Structure formats: structure tokens, C-alpha cells
Amino acid sequence: MAQSKRGEHMNQMLKKASTTCAAFACAASLMFSGTALVWADGEMDDNVKTQVEAYVGAVTDEIIGLSDAEIEQYLEEDNEFVVNAMTAWSGVKKEVGDLKEIGDTVEVEYDDKDKEYTATVEVEFEKEDADFVYVIDKKMNPTSLTVDVKYSFATTMKNAALNTLMGLGTVFVILIFLIFLISLFKFVPGSGAQQVKKKKEETPAPAPVPVAVPVQEEADDSELIAVIAAAIAASEGTTTDGFVVRSIRKINRKKR
């Protein structure tokens, strides 16, 4: 009984997987007839636009409904678009939450230069809305899918604050690590820090320089006083006993 249930479950998964693979693989056949309806100036026929809208809407609904196990299976496929689509969706699946509604309006543009279509499907989820952007080549084969999450203002500010904190934290951690690393240099043999320390230990302290204290020599004017006293006594015709020279002062006379 258990084996029969397991086999039935596997058959259901394979059936659903086959349906999704068929939706991916038949894109060219569904819209190949519309290729010739694209004008040279980039204008697109309404028939082609309708087919593109129907295709991307169906594929979007199919991709969103896949389970994690089915996504893992498709990631092992050889189809480049399937792997690209599964990678894009699995990267944001948990972030956007469960499906609420797939928009009815699909924006389709044609690039005449690159000869490719760009179809955007707006999808509303419980947590964050997202745009499924498909690129389809001129042969109507899907080439890539990107899922652009449209974050709300609160989510954007929250992510910005987290990124800022993470950046500041990283800077401080690196600075602390560098300071710790530099502090270890003094223990490394032959490092510059040890050589500087060794030179400081070997260099003797300079001897204190004695401060020269100026000594004022007292001039011995006794001989000069005796000579001046003798000259005065001679000019007066007397002896030096009659007067006493107590001080000598220099008089600055202006030169004429």
C-alpha cells in the first residue's frame, strides 16, 4: 500500500513537471506565426502582443506554483532558460511570501535593435510585490527571466539601516584586528619595534650640562684713585692729604 501511494505521488509530480516543461518548450511554436508581423520600425502587431502576454502570464503562474522539490529538479535540466528562471524565482521565493494575485496587464516592448521582446508581469505577494521580466528573442524563444522585488519604503529603510550597521561593524572589527596585530610586532624577533627598543636601551643618557653662572668681578679702582688724587694735588699745588677721592664717575660728553 505504501509503495502504491509513493508511486502515485511520483507520477503526479512527473505529470506536473512534464506540463511545466511543455509550457517552456512550446513557446516558439505558440508564437512563431507572429514573428513576421513585427514591423521594421519597431512597431508590434496586436496579435504578437496578445500571444506574448498569454505566454508569460501562463509561465509565471506555473513557476510560482512549483514546490521546492520541483524547483530542484528543474535546476538540473539542460534548458538554459529553465535553469535561469528557477534560479531567479528560488532566490526571492521566501522573501516575497505567498501569491495573492497575478496582474492582468502585461507590459510588452519590442527592441528593434536587438530584435527581442521584453514582457513584464506584475505580481502581488503577501510580503513584497515583484515584477517578472521576460526576454524573448526574435524567434520567440524565451532567453531569460528576472524577478525584481518592489520593496516598500519601510523595507528599504530597514535594509539601508542593516547595511549601514553591517558596514560600520565591519570597519570597527578590522580596525580592532589591525591594532591587535600591530601590538604583537614587539614580540616578533628582528622587528623594527624590538630594534628601536634595543637602541633606546643601549644609548646612554646625556650628561647634564653645567649652567655657567656669570661672576661679576669687582673692579679694583684703588690704583686709579691714587693716580687721579696725585694729579689733582699736583695741579692744585698741595698734597693728597687735603682731600679724599670717594668715587669716580664717567661723564659722557657729546662730540662736536
Protein backbone atom coordinates (compact mmCIF):
# COMPACT_ATOMS: atom_id res chain seq x y z
CA MET A 1 0.00 0.00 0.00
CA ALA A 2 2.81 2.40 0.90
CA GLN A 3 4.63 1.61 -2.33
CA SER A 4 1.49 2.25 -4.40
CA LYS A 5 0.93 5.66 -2.72
CA ARG A 6 4.55 6.59 -3.26
CA GLY A 7 4.33 5.60 -6.90
CA GLU A 8 1.14 7.60 -7.37
CA HIS A 9 2.78 10.67 -5.78
CA MET A 10 5.77 10.36 -8.08
CA ASN A 11 3.51 10.05 -11.11
CA GLN A 12 1.71 13.26 -10.12
CA MET A 13 4.99 15.13 -9.72
CA LEU A 14 6.27 13.87 -13.05
CA LYS A 15 3.00 14.79 -14.72
CA LYS A 16 3.17 18.34 -13.36
CA ALA A 17 6.83 18.59 -14.26
CA SER A 18 6.07 17.44 -17.79
CA THR A 19 3.35 20.10 -18.06
CA THR A 20 5.71 22.87 -17.00
CA CYS A 21 8.48 21.66 -19.30
CA ALA A 22 5.98 21.58 -22.12
CA ALA A 23 4.97 25.19 -21.35
CA PHE A 24 8.63 26.25 -21.52
CA ALA A 25 9.42 24.24 -24.62
CA CYS A 26 6.38 25.22 -26.71
CA ALA A 27 6.98 28.98 -26.51
CA ALA A 28 8.36 29.09 -30.03
CA SER A 29 5.54 27.06 -31.53
CA LEU A 30 2.85 29.11 -29.78
CA MET A 31 4.08 32.43 -31.19
CA PHE A 32 6.16 31.57 -34.24
CA SER A 33 3.41 32.74 -36.54
CA GLY A 34 3.66 36.26 -35.11
CA THR A 35 7.33 36.75 -35.97
CA ALA A 36 6.64 38.12 -39.42
CA LEU A 37 4.17 40.62 -38.00
CA VAL A 38 6.80 42.87 -36.40
CA TRP A 39 7.37 45.96 -38.49
CA ALA A 40 10.84 47.26 -39.32
CA ASP A 41 10.39 50.44 -37.31
CA GLY A 42 9.84 48.53 -34.07
CA GLU A 43 6.03 48.54 -34.16
CA MET A 44 4.45 45.30 -32.94
CA ASP A 45 1.30 43.66 -34.18
CA ASP A 46 -1.51 43.23 -31.66
CA ASN A 47 -1.64 39.51 -32.41
CA VAL A 48 2.00 39.06 -31.38
CA LYS A 49 1.48 41.16 -28.27
CA THR A 50 -1.52 39.08 -27.26
CA GLN A 51 0.40 35.85 -27.69
CA VAL A 52 3.33 37.15 -25.66
CA GLU A 53 1.01 38.28 -22.87
CA ALA A 54 -0.75 34.92 -22.76
CA TYR A 55 2.53 33.01 -22.72
CA VAL A 56 4.28 34.96 -19.97
CA GLY A 57 1.15 35.00 -17.84
CA ALA A 58 0.80 31.21 -18.03
CA VAL A 59 4.50 30.58 -17.40
CA THR A 60 4.51 32.99 -14.41
CA ASP A 61 1.57 31.19 -12.83
CA GLU A 62 3.27 27.82 -13.43
CA ILE A 63 6.60 28.93 -11.95
CA ILE A 64 5.04 30.40 -8.81
CA GLY A 65 3.12 27.19 -8.19
CA LEU A 66 6.22 24.98 -8.16
CA SER A 67 7.34 23.37 -4.94
CA ASP A 68 10.91 23.45 -3.68
CA ALA A 69 11.45 19.84 -4.75
CA GLU A 70 10.25 20.58 -8.28
CA ILE A 71 12.47 23.66 -8.49
CA GLU A 72 15.46 21.48 -7.56
CA GLN A 73 14.53 19.10 -10.37
CA TYR A 74 14.34 21.87 -12.93
CA LEU A 75 17.71 23.26 -11.85
CA GLU A 76 19.22 20.02 -13.21
CA GLU A 77 17.67 20.50 -16.68
CA ASP A 78 19.79 21.23 -19.76
CA ASN A 79 17.49 24.08 -20.83
CA GLU A 80 19.29 27.38 -20.12
CA PHE A 81 16.08 29.40 -19.76
CA VAL A 82 14.55 26.87 -17.35
CA VAL A 83 17.63 26.93 -15.12
CA ASN A 84 17.73 30.74 -15.28
CA ALA A 85 14.04 31.03 -14.38
CA MET A 86 14.29 28.58 -11.49
CA THR A 87 17.36 30.37 -10.11
CA ALA A 88 15.68 33.79 -10.29
CA TRP A 89 12.48 32.58 -8.61
CA SER A 90 14.12 30.46 -5.89
CA GLY A 91 16.25 33.45 -4.86
CA VAL A 92 13.22 35.57 -3.87
CA LYS A 93 10.53 32.97 -3.16
CA LYS A 94 10.78 33.14 0.64
CA GLU A 95 11.30 36.89 0.60
CA VAL A 96 8.03 37.77 -1.18
CA GLY A 97 5.79 35.21 0.55
CA ASP A 98 2.69 33.51 -0.81
CA LEU A 99 0.94 34.54 -4.02
CA LYS A 100 -2.01 36.92 -3.79
CA GLU A 101 -2.72 37.91 -7.39
CA ILE A 102 -1.11 37.95 -10.83
CA GLY A 103 -1.77 41.20 -12.67
CA ASP A 104 -3.96 41.09 -15.77
CA THR A 105 -1.97 43.78 -17.56
CA VAL A 106 1.33 42.69 -19.14
CA GLU A 107 3.68 45.34 -20.46
CA VAL A 108 5.28 44.17 -23.72
CA GLU A 109 8.02 46.09 -25.55
CA TYR A 110 9.97 45.30 -28.70
CA ASP A 111 13.60 46.33 -29.23
CA ASP A 112 14.18 46.67 -32.96
CA LYS A 113 17.93 46.96 -32.46
CA ASP A 114 18.39 43.71 -30.54
CA LYS A 115 15.36 42.07 -32.19
CA GLU A 116 13.87 40.90 -28.88
CA TYR A 117 10.77 41.32 -26.75
CA THR A 118 10.61 42.35 -23.10
CA ALA A 119 7.47 41.35 -21.21
CA THR A 120 6.82 42.46 -17.63
CA VAL A 121 4.23 40.75 -15.42
CA GLU A 122 3.25 42.47 -12.17
CA VAL A 123 2.60 40.01 -9.33
CA GLU A 124 1.24 40.79 -5.88
CA PHE A 125 2.51 38.72 -2.94
CA GLU A 126 1.80 38.76 0.80
CA LYS A 127 5.11 40.34 1.83
CA GLU A 128 6.50 42.21 -1.18
CA ASP A 129 5.28 42.69 -4.75
CA ALA A 130 7.51 41.73 -7.68
CA ASP A 131 7.86 42.09 -11.45
CA PHE A 132 8.58 39.02 -13.58
CA VAL A 133 10.57 40.34 -16.55
CA TYR A 134 10.96 38.00 -19.54
CA VAL A 135 13.26 38.46 -22.52
CA ILE A 136 12.18 36.66 -25.72
CA ASP A 137 14.32 36.60 -28.86
CA LYS A 138 13.17 37.22 -32.45
CA LYS A 139 12.43 33.52 -32.92
CA MET A 140 10.02 33.69 -29.99
CA ASN A 141 12.26 31.66 -27.69
CA PRO A 142 12.48 32.86 -24.06
CA THR A 143 16.09 33.62 -23.16
CA SER A 144 15.99 34.93 -19.59
CA LEU A 145 13.80 35.76 -16.61
CA THR A 146 14.48 38.18 -13.78
CA VAL A 147 12.32 38.68 -10.71
CA ASP A 148 12.55 42.27 -9.49
CA VAL A 149 11.21 42.68 -5.97
CA LYS A 150 9.49 46.04 -5.37
CA TYR A 151 10.40 46.75 -1.79
CA SER A 152 8.22 49.02 0.31
CA PHE A 153 9.62 52.18 1.90
CA ALA A 154 9.77 50.55 5.33
CA THR A 155 11.65 47.55 3.96
CA THR A 156 14.05 49.80 2.04
CA MET A 157 14.85 51.85 5.15
CA LYS A 158 15.27 48.69 7.21
CA ASN A 159 17.68 47.20 4.68
CA ALA A 160 19.60 50.50 4.49
CA ALA A 161 19.95 50.62 8.28
CA LEU A 162 21.11 47.00 8.40
CA ASN A 163 23.64 47.62 5.63
CA THR A 164 24.94 50.71 7.45
CA LEU A 165 25.32 48.84 10.73
CA MET A 166 26.99 45.96 8.98
CA GLY A 167 29.42 48.31 7.24
CA LEU A 168 30.31 50.18 10.43
CA GLY A 169 30.67 46.93 12.34
CA THR A 170 32.99 45.55 9.69
CA VAL A 171 35.16 48.69 9.81
CA PHE A 172 35.46 48.58 13.61
CA VAL A 173 36.26 44.87 13.60
CA ILE A 174 39.02 45.41 11.03
CA LEU A 175 40.46 48.37 12.99
CA ILE A 176 40.49 46.38 16.24
CA PHE A 177 42.17 43.49 14.46
CA LEU A 178 44.83 45.80 12.98
CA ILE A 179 45.53 47.38 16.39
CA PHE A 180 45.87 43.94 17.94
CA LEU A 181 48.12 42.81 15.09
CA ILE A 182 50.37 45.86 15.41
CA SER A 183 50.64 45.36 19.17
CA LEU A 184 52.11 41.90 18.53
CA PHE A 185 55.02 43.26 16.48
CA LYS A 186 57.04 43.96 19.63
CA PHE A 187 57.15 40.23 20.32
CA VAL A 188 58.39 39.33 16.84
CA PRO A 189 62.21 38.77 16.70
CA GLY A 190 64.00 41.15 14.36
CA SER A 191 61.04 43.51 14.06
CA GLY A 192 61.51 47.24 13.93
CA ALA A 193 59.85 47.68 17.31
CA GLN A 194 62.42 45.49 19.04
CA GLN A 195 65.33 47.24 17.28
CA VAL A 196 64.08 50.66 18.39
CA LYS A 197 63.67 49.40 21.95
CA LYS A 198 67.19 47.94 21.89
CA LYS A 199 68.70 51.20 20.61
CA LYS A 200 66.96 53.14 23.37
CA GLU A 201 68.38 50.77 25.99
CA GLU A 202 71.93 50.97 24.57
CA THR A 203 72.06 54.75 24.15
CA PRO A 204 73.47 56.33 27.36
CA ALA A 205 71.66 59.22 28.86
CA PRO A 206 73.33 62.56 28.07
CA ALA A 207 75.36 64.10 30.91
CA PRO A 208 73.86 67.20 32.45
CA VAL A 209 75.39 70.39 31.11
CA PRO A 210 76.56 72.68 33.90
CA VAL A 211 74.99 76.07 33.80
CA ALA A 212 77.54 78.85 33.71
CA VAL A 213 76.78 81.41 36.35
CA PRO A 214 78.22 84.78 35.42
CA VAL A 215 80.59 86.10 38.10
CA GLN A 216 80.77 89.80 38.38
CA GLU A 217 84.26 90.81 39.07
CA GLU A 218 84.61 93.81 41.25
CA ALA A 219 86.92 96.27 39.69
CA ASP A 220 89.83 97.29 41.82
CA ASP A 221 89.90 101.07 41.39
CA SER A 222 92.36 101.83 44.21
CA GLU A 223 95.32 102.42 41.89
CA LEU A 224 93.24 104.59 39.58
CA ILE A 225 92.01 106.64 42.57
CA ALA A 226 95.62 107.18 43.75
CA VAL A 227 96.72 108.37 40.31
CA ILE A 228 93.79 110.77 39.98
CA ALA A 229 94.32 112.10 43.51
CA ALA A 230 98.01 112.72 42.77
CA ALA A 231 97.14 114.57 39.56
CA ILE A 232 94.63 116.79 41.38
CA ALA A 233 97.14 117.56 44.17
CA ALA A 234 99.81 118.47 41.62
CA SER A 235 97.51 120.82 39.75
CA GLU A 236 96.43 122.48 42.99
CA GLY A 237 99.95 122.68 44.41
CA THR A 238 99.11 120.71 47.52
CA THR A 239 99.25 117.18 48.81
CA THR A 240 96.71 114.37 48.73
CA ASP A 241 96.15 114.75 52.46
CA GLY A 242 93.90 117.74 51.95
CA PHE A 243 91.11 115.89 50.10
CA VAL A 244 89.74 112.38 49.61
CA VAL A 245 88.55 110.90 46.27
CA ARG A 246 85.49 108.85 47.19
CA SER A 247 84.09 107.89 43.75
CA ILE A 248 84.90 108.03 40.08
CA ARG A 249 82.12 108.59 37.55
CA LYS A 250 82.42 108.67 33.83
CA ILE A 251 80.81 111.65 32.07
CA ASN A 252 79.51 111.08 28.57
CA ARG A 253 80.20 114.22 26.55
CA LYS A 254 78.67 114.83 23.19
CA LYS A 255 81.13 115.09 20.35
CA ARG A 256 81.07 118.32 18.48
